[in-house]
Amino acid sequence: MLFINSPSHYAPFNIACEEYILNNFPEDVFLLYRNDASIIVGRHQNTLAEINLDYVKEHNIPVVRRLTGGGTVFHDLGNLNYCFLMNRTGDEDRGFTKYTEPILAALKDLGIEAKLEGRNDLTIKGMKFSGNARAVYPNKIHQHGTILFFSKITDLSAALKANPLKFKDKAVHSVAARVTNISEHLTKPISLEEFIQLIQKEVLKFYPDAREYHLTEDDKKGINTLMKSKYETWEWNFGHSPAYNHKQSIRCSAGTIEFHIDVHKGKITGLRIYGDFFGERDPSELESALIGLPHRTEELRKALESLPLNEFFGEITVEDILAGLI
């Protein structure tokens, strides 16, 4: 097994790193990384339904879709992420147990009683400090998890506070849970760096052949290429969302306007606009102009700026309409 500590705190790089290792390393790998403030969305989720888009834009937070299923999580530098990228051995029927054992053992060394609860959560006194996800391939196991050490819980709550009334879909939705930081349960304070060493020590007990490995320049080049072509793109992070319906009402100078939008593969496939506004032209013309566009701000703003909006609604701005469309 190889021990790898990522040299980066940039979420798209680190999520790309997981896939790069999965596809290019024949050895078993244990990867650790920390991300600056970022949101990591499950493979089968509707990104817009999981995040507080206004908060994410205001704080310039990267949103990245991962390869594994499960729910959306918030990362910051107080959160340690671990990942096992393993060759299959026939011992894959233990669910999340096998690769969470070293984490639980490390906490036991610190005098903290933690356990695997439900399907994929690690908890302390019933409070979640680690969410885990996995994917099983013909020859590989990919399991990873978060470890809240001294994460900013208030930022986590704000970033993931999406409006559930806006969306109707069949995507997998995250379930709110009471969360806690490991640091709150320590009898003697330790640094995150010391905790990382303890994790590595426990992994070494389970995998005695483990040795340290540093990403080469070729590795970094390959990861960056994958990052730019996939994990930094709107198409993967937002457009890959399952089909969904978006409904939003706004109140502006023109009156009350309600938008009903159907989205498939990230593009608007249906749009109906209702309201008590007074316009000279039928809004069906505007509806037709927006169908087929990606359901994202940049393209919609460009299209709206080219249209005579006041003729459809009366006194209205591009930003008013965007508030109803996104």
Protein backbone atom coordinates (compact mmCIF):
# COMPACT_ATOMS: atom_id res chain seq x y z
CA MET A 1 0.00 0.00 0.00
CA LEU A 2 1.05 3.59 -0.70
CA PHE A 3 0.47 6.48 1.73
CA ILE A 4 -0.22 9.70 -0.18
CA ASN A 5 -0.75 13.13 1.35
CA SER A 6 -2.09 15.51 -1.27
CA PRO A 7 -0.01 18.68 -1.70
CA SER A 8 -3.14 20.68 -2.58
CA HIS A 9 -6.08 22.21 -0.70
CA TYR A 10 -8.06 22.78 -3.91
CA ALA A 11 -11.14 20.53 -4.02
CA PRO A 12 -11.31 19.95 -7.82
CA PHE A 13 -7.66 18.81 -7.75
CA ASN A 14 -8.20 16.41 -4.85
CA ILE A 15 -11.37 14.85 -6.25
CA ALA A 16 -9.57 14.47 -9.59
CA CYS A 17 -6.65 12.93 -7.68
CA GLU A 18 -8.92 10.13 -6.45
CA GLU A 19 -9.99 9.22 -9.98
CA TYR A 20 -6.45 9.52 -11.33
CA ILE A 21 -5.14 7.10 -8.69
CA LEU A 22 -8.06 4.76 -9.28
CA ASN A 23 -7.24 4.52 -12.98
CA ASN A 24 -3.44 4.67 -12.93
CA PHE A 25 -2.05 3.05 -9.76
CA PRO A 26 -1.88 -0.76 -9.64
CA GLU A 27 -1.05 -0.62 -5.90
CA ASP A 28 -3.49 -0.15 -3.03
CA VAL A 29 -3.50 3.51 -1.96
CA PHE A 30 -4.45 5.36 1.21
CA LEU A 31 -4.94 9.04 0.39
CA LEU A 32 -5.33 11.96 2.80
CA TYR A 33 -6.23 15.51 1.83
CA ARG A 34 -7.80 18.70 3.15
CA ASN A 35 -9.78 21.18 1.09
CA ASP A 36 -10.33 24.88 1.42
CA ALA A 37 -14.02 25.75 1.77
CA SER A 38 -15.84 23.67 -0.85
CA ILE A 39 -18.96 21.59 -1.43
CA ILE A 40 -18.72 17.99 -2.62
CA VAL A 41 -21.89 16.61 -4.21
CA GLY A 42 -22.82 12.92 -4.48
CA ARG A 43 -22.70 11.27 -7.90
CA HIS A 44 -26.50 10.96 -8.25
CA GLN A 45 -27.59 14.27 -6.73
CA ASN A 46 -29.18 17.40 -8.12
CA THR A 47 -26.51 19.97 -7.30
CA LEU A 48 -28.77 23.03 -7.25
CA ALA A 49 -31.18 21.32 -4.83
CA GLU A 50 -28.36 20.64 -2.36
CA ILE A 51 -26.64 24.01 -2.04
CA ASN A 52 -27.39 27.56 -0.98
CA LEU A 53 -26.46 29.05 -4.36
CA ASP A 54 -26.43 32.67 -3.16
CA TYR A 55 -24.07 31.81 -0.29
CA VAL A 56 -21.85 29.74 -2.58
CA LYS A 57 -21.55 32.58 -5.11
CA GLU A 58 -20.97 35.24 -2.46
CA HIS A 59 -18.12 33.25 -0.88
CA ASN A 60 -16.74 31.87 -4.17
CA ILE A 61 -16.98 28.27 -2.95
CA PRO A 62 -16.07 25.51 -5.44
CA VAL A 63 -18.80 22.91 -5.98
CA VAL A 64 -17.53 19.52 -7.16
CA ARG A 65 -19.34 16.31 -8.03
CA ARG A 66 -17.56 13.14 -6.90
CA LEU A 67 -17.60 9.63 -8.37
CA THR A 68 -19.33 7.99 -5.40
CA GLY A 69 -22.97 8.16 -4.32
CA GLY A 70 -24.34 9.43 -1.02
CA GLY A 71 -25.04 12.94 0.17
CA THR A 72 -23.53 16.39 -0.17
CA VAL A 73 -20.83 17.46 2.28
CA PHE A 74 -19.06 20.70 3.12
CA HIS A 75 -15.26 20.72 3.36
CA ASP A 76 -12.91 23.21 4.96
CA LEU A 77 -9.40 23.04 6.38
CA GLY A 78 -10.77 21.77 9.70
CA ASN A 79 -12.04 18.66 7.94
CA LEU A 80 -9.72 15.76 7.07
CA ASN A 81 -10.63 13.58 4.11
CA TYR A 82 -9.41 10.02 3.80
CA CYS A 83 -9.70 7.68 0.87
CA PHE A 84 -8.98 3.99 0.32
CA LEU A 85 -8.41 3.02 -3.33
CA MET A 86 -8.02 -0.73 -3.14
CA ASN A 87 -7.75 -3.78 -5.34
CA ARG A 88 -10.64 -6.18 -4.80
CA THR A 89 -9.82 -9.26 -2.75
CA GLY A 90 -13.24 -10.90 -2.28
CA ASP A 91 -13.69 -9.28 1.14
CA GLU A 92 -16.12 -6.63 -0.05
CA ASP A 93 -19.28 -7.79 1.73
CA ARG A 94 -18.64 -5.90 4.98
CA GLY A 95 -20.10 -2.65 3.71
CA PHE A 96 -18.39 0.39 5.17
CA THR A 97 -16.95 -1.50 8.14
CA LYS A 98 -13.57 -2.59 6.79
CA TYR A 99 -12.20 0.81 5.82
CA THR A 100 -13.64 2.76 8.75
CA GLU A 101 -11.96 0.48 11.32
CA PRO A 102 -8.62 2.38 11.33
CA ILE A 103 -10.45 5.67 11.93
CA LEU A 104 -12.40 4.25 14.87
CA ALA A 105 -9.20 2.70 16.25
CA ALA A 106 -7.43 6.07 16.15
CA LEU A 107 -10.25 7.66 18.14
CA LYS A 108 -10.15 4.84 20.65
CA ASP A 109 -6.46 5.63 21.16
CA LEU A 110 -7.58 9.14 22.11
CA GLY A 111 -10.12 7.83 24.59
CA ILE A 112 -13.09 8.61 22.36
CA GLU A 113 -15.77 5.97 21.89
CA ALA A 114 -17.00 6.25 18.32
CA LYS A 115 -18.93 3.82 16.15
CA LEU A 116 -20.32 3.15 12.70
CA GLU A 117 -24.04 3.89 12.79
CA GLY A 118 -26.71 3.45 10.17
CA ARG A 119 -25.38 2.77 6.73
CA ASN A 120 -22.32 5.00 6.47
CA ASP A 121 -21.94 7.48 9.37
CA LEU A 122 -19.35 7.54 12.13
CA THR A 123 -20.70 9.05 15.32
CA ILE A 124 -19.70 10.16 18.80
CA LYS A 125 -22.52 10.15 21.36
CA GLY A 126 -25.02 9.95 18.52
CA MET A 127 -23.57 12.95 16.68
CA LYS A 128 -22.05 12.55 13.22
CA PHE A 129 -18.41 13.47 12.65
CA SER A 130 -17.81 11.43 9.50
CA GLY A 131 -19.84 10.66 6.42
CA ASN A 132 -18.62 7.90 4.12
CA ALA A 133 -19.28 6.90 0.53
CA ARG A 134 -18.06 4.10 -1.71
CA ALA A 135 -18.10 2.74 -5.23
CA VAL A 136 -17.34 -0.84 -6.23
CA TYR A 137 -15.80 -1.55 -9.63
CA PRO A 138 -14.91 -4.90 -11.25
CA ASN A 139 -11.34 -4.76 -9.93
CA LYS A 140 -11.33 -1.88 -7.44
CA ILE A 141 -12.93 -0.55 -4.27
CA HIS A 142 -13.17 3.22 -3.82
CA GLN A 143 -14.20 4.26 -0.31
CA HIS A 144 -13.71 7.67 1.24
CA GLY A 145 -14.97 9.77 4.11
CA THR A 146 -14.86 13.08 5.89
CA ILE A 147 -13.53 13.56 9.41
CA LEU A 148 -14.70 16.75 11.11
CA PHE A 149 -11.82 17.74 13.39
CA PHE A 150 -12.34 21.47 13.92
CA SER A 151 -14.56 22.36 10.99
CA LYS A 152 -16.69 25.54 11.01
CA ILE A 153 -20.13 24.02 11.55
CA THR A 154 -21.93 27.34 10.97
CA ASP A 155 -20.37 27.64 7.50
CA LEU A 156 -21.39 24.05 6.78
CA SER A 157 -25.00 24.82 7.65
CA ALA A 158 -25.11 28.03 5.64
CA ALA A 159 -23.56 26.54 2.50
CA LEU A 160 -25.91 23.54 2.40
CA LYS A 161 -29.12 25.35 3.30
CA ALA A 162 -30.93 24.85 -0.01
CA ASN A 163 -34.60 25.73 -0.55
CA PRO A 164 -36.39 22.34 -0.82
CA LEU A 165 -39.56 23.96 -2.22
CA LYS A 166 -37.79 24.98 -5.42
CA PHE A 167 -37.14 21.47 -6.71
CA LYS A 168 -39.02 18.31 -7.49
CA ASP A 169 -36.92 15.40 -8.66
CA LYS A 170 -35.96 11.77 -8.08
CA ALA A 171 -32.35 12.51 -7.16
CA VAL A 172 -30.81 11.30 -3.91
CA HIS A 173 -31.25 14.07 -1.34
CA SER A 174 -29.01 14.67 1.64
CA VAL A 175 -30.45 14.14 5.09
CA ALA A 176 -29.68 16.69 7.78
CA ALA A 177 -27.83 15.28 10.77
CA ARG A 178 -26.56 16.61 14.07
CA VAL A 179 -22.82 16.98 13.59
CA THR A 180 -19.84 17.43 15.88
CA ASN A 181 -16.09 18.01 15.72
CA ILE A 182 -13.63 15.51 17.19
CA SER A 183 -11.83 18.38 18.91
CA GLU A 184 -14.87 18.91 21.13
CA HIS A 185 -14.44 15.44 22.65
CA LEU A 186 -10.70 15.38 23.35
CA THR A 187 -9.59 15.19 26.98
CA LYS A 188 -6.21 16.58 25.90
CA PRO A 189 -5.90 18.92 22.90
CA ILE A 190 -3.90 17.71 19.91
CA SER A 191 -3.22 19.32 16.56
CA LEU A 192 -4.71 18.08 13.32
CA GLU A 193 -1.20 17.17 12.18
CA GLU A 194 -0.80 14.93 15.23
CA PHE A 195 -4.18 13.36 14.49
CA ILE A 196 -3.09 12.66 10.90
CA GLN A 197 0.00 10.85 12.23
CA LEU A 198 -2.23 8.78 14.50
CA ILE A 199 -4.48 7.83 11.57
CA GLN A 200 -1.44 6.76 9.55
CA LYS A 201 -0.17 4.72 12.50
CA GLU A 202 -3.47 2.83 12.71
CA VAL A 203 -3.62 2.23 8.97
CA LEU A 204 -0.10 0.81 9.19
CA LYS A 205 -1.34 -1.75 11.74
CA PHE A 206 -3.93 -2.97 9.26
CA TYR A 207 -1.58 -2.73 6.26
CA PRO A 208 2.02 -3.34 7.48
CA ASP A 209 3.51 -3.01 4.00
CA ALA A 210 2.34 0.61 3.63
CA ARG A 211 4.98 3.12 2.53
CA GLU A 212 4.97 6.83 1.82
CA TYR A 213 4.62 8.05 -1.75
CA HIS A 214 4.84 11.61 -3.11
CA LEU A 215 2.99 12.55 -6.28
CA THR A 216 5.44 13.03 -9.14
CA GLU A 217 5.36 15.88 -11.62
CA ASP A 218 3.82 13.48 -14.14
CA ASP A 219 1.14 12.55 -11.58
CA LYS A 220 0.33 16.20 -10.95
CA LYS A 221 0.19 16.89 -14.70
CA GLY A 222 -2.25 14.01 -15.20
CA ILE A 223 -4.40 15.10 -12.26
CA ASN A 224 -4.50 18.71 -13.49
CA THR A 225 -5.53 17.57 -16.96
CA LEU A 226 -8.40 15.52 -15.51
CA MET A 227 -9.34 18.37 -13.18
CA LYS A 228 -9.62 20.91 -16.00
CA SER A 229 -11.48 18.60 -18.38
CA LYS A 230 -13.95 17.30 -15.78
CA TYR A 231 -13.93 18.48 -12.18
CA GLU A 232 -13.77 22.21 -12.91
CA THR A 233 -16.55 22.07 -15.52
CA TRP A 234 -20.17 23.07 -15.16
CA GLU A 235 -21.14 20.11 -17.33
CA TRP A 236 -19.90 17.61 -14.71
CA ASN A 237 -20.63 19.49 -11.50
CA PHE A 238 -24.07 20.87 -12.39
CA GLY A 239 -25.12 19.61 -15.82
CA HIS A 240 -24.68 15.98 -14.78
CA SER A 241 -27.60 16.34 -12.32
CA PRO A 242 -30.61 14.04 -12.82
CA ALA A 243 -33.69 15.50 -14.51
CA TYR A 244 -35.58 17.87 -12.23
CA ASN A 245 -38.37 20.44 -12.07
CA HIS A 246 -37.69 23.90 -10.68
CA LYS A 247 -40.43 26.19 -9.41
CA GLN A 248 -39.88 29.72 -8.12
CA SER A 249 -41.98 32.84 -7.56
CA ILE A 250 -40.66 36.39 -7.45
CA ARG A 251 -42.19 39.73 -6.56
CA CYS A 252 -40.94 42.76 -8.46
CA SER A 253 -42.16 46.06 -9.89
CA ALA A 254 -43.96 44.21 -12.69
CA GLY A 255 -45.96 42.12 -10.21
CA THR A 256 -45.81 38.50 -9.05
CA ILE A 257 -44.25 36.10 -11.55
CA GLU A 258 -44.01 32.32 -11.24
CA PHE A 259 -41.53 30.20 -13.20
CA HIS A 260 -41.97 26.46 -13.81
CA ILE A 261 -38.89 24.88 -15.40
CA ASP A 262 -38.09 21.35 -16.57
CA VAL A 263 -34.38 20.50 -16.77
CA HIS A 264 -32.75 17.44 -18.30
CA LYS A 265 -28.98 16.90 -18.58
CA GLY A 266 -28.49 20.42 -17.31
CA LYS A 267 -30.53 22.08 -20.07
CA ILE A 268 -33.97 23.67 -19.98
CA THR A 269 -36.44 21.39 -21.77
CA GLY A 270 -39.64 23.10 -20.67
CA LEU A 271 -40.58 26.54 -19.32
CA ARG A 272 -43.91 28.11 -18.38
CA ILE A 273 -44.30 31.60 -16.92
CA TYR A 274 -47.39 32.76 -14.98
CA GLY A 275 -48.24 35.91 -13.06
CA ASP A 276 -50.29 39.09 -12.67
CA PHE A 277 -47.95 41.23 -14.79
CA PHE A 278 -49.04 43.40 -17.74
CA GLY A 279 -47.12 42.89 -20.94
CA GLU A 280 -47.55 43.76 -24.60
CA ARG A 281 -46.18 40.44 -25.87
CA ASP A 282 -47.02 36.85 -25.03
CA PRO A 283 -44.42 35.33 -22.64
CA SER A 284 -44.44 32.17 -24.75
CA GLU A 285 -41.96 33.96 -27.05
CA LEU A 286 -39.56 34.37 -24.15
CA GLU A 287 -40.17 30.79 -23.03
CA SER A 288 -39.21 29.51 -26.47
CA ALA A 289 -36.06 31.65 -26.50
CA LEU A 290 -34.77 30.07 -23.28
CA ILE A 291 -35.61 26.42 -24.00
CA GLY A 292 -32.47 24.48 -24.87
CA LEU A 293 -30.13 26.72 -22.88
CA PRO A 294 -28.08 25.41 -19.94
CA HIS A 295 -29.78 26.04 -16.59
CA ARG A 296 -27.03 28.34 -15.36
CA THR A 297 -26.71 32.02 -14.79
CA GLU A 298 -24.17 33.00 -17.45
CA GLU A 299 -26.04 31.72 -20.51
CA LEU A 300 -29.44 32.82 -19.23
CA ARG A 301 -28.22 36.34 -18.46
CA LYS A 302 -26.74 36.67 -21.95
CA ALA A 303 -29.98 35.53 -23.55
CA LEU A 304 -32.16 37.79 -21.38
CA GLU A 305 -30.01 40.84 -22.12
CA SER A 306 -30.84 40.41 -25.82
CA LEU A 307 -34.60 40.28 -25.27
CA PRO A 308 -37.14 43.15 -24.86
CA LEU A 309 -38.11 42.12 -21.32
CA ASN A 310 -40.27 45.18 -20.59
CA GLU A 311 -42.48 44.27 -23.52
CA PHE A 312 -43.21 40.91 -21.91
CA PHE A 313 -43.61 41.99 -18.27
CA GLY A 314 -43.60 45.73 -17.84
CA GLU A 315 -41.02 47.23 -15.48
CA ILE A 316 -38.52 44.45 -14.84
CA THR A 317 -34.78 43.78 -14.86
CA VAL A 318 -32.61 40.90 -15.99
CA GLU A 319 -31.69 40.23 -12.35
CA ASP A 320 -35.39 39.99 -11.40
CA ILE A 321 -35.95 37.24 -13.95
CA LEU A 322 -32.74 35.40 -13.06
CA ALA A 323 -33.95 35.27 -9.46
CA GLY A 324 -36.92 33.25 -10.70
CA LEU A 325 -35.04 31.07 -13.16
CA ILE A 326 -32.17 29.91 -10.90
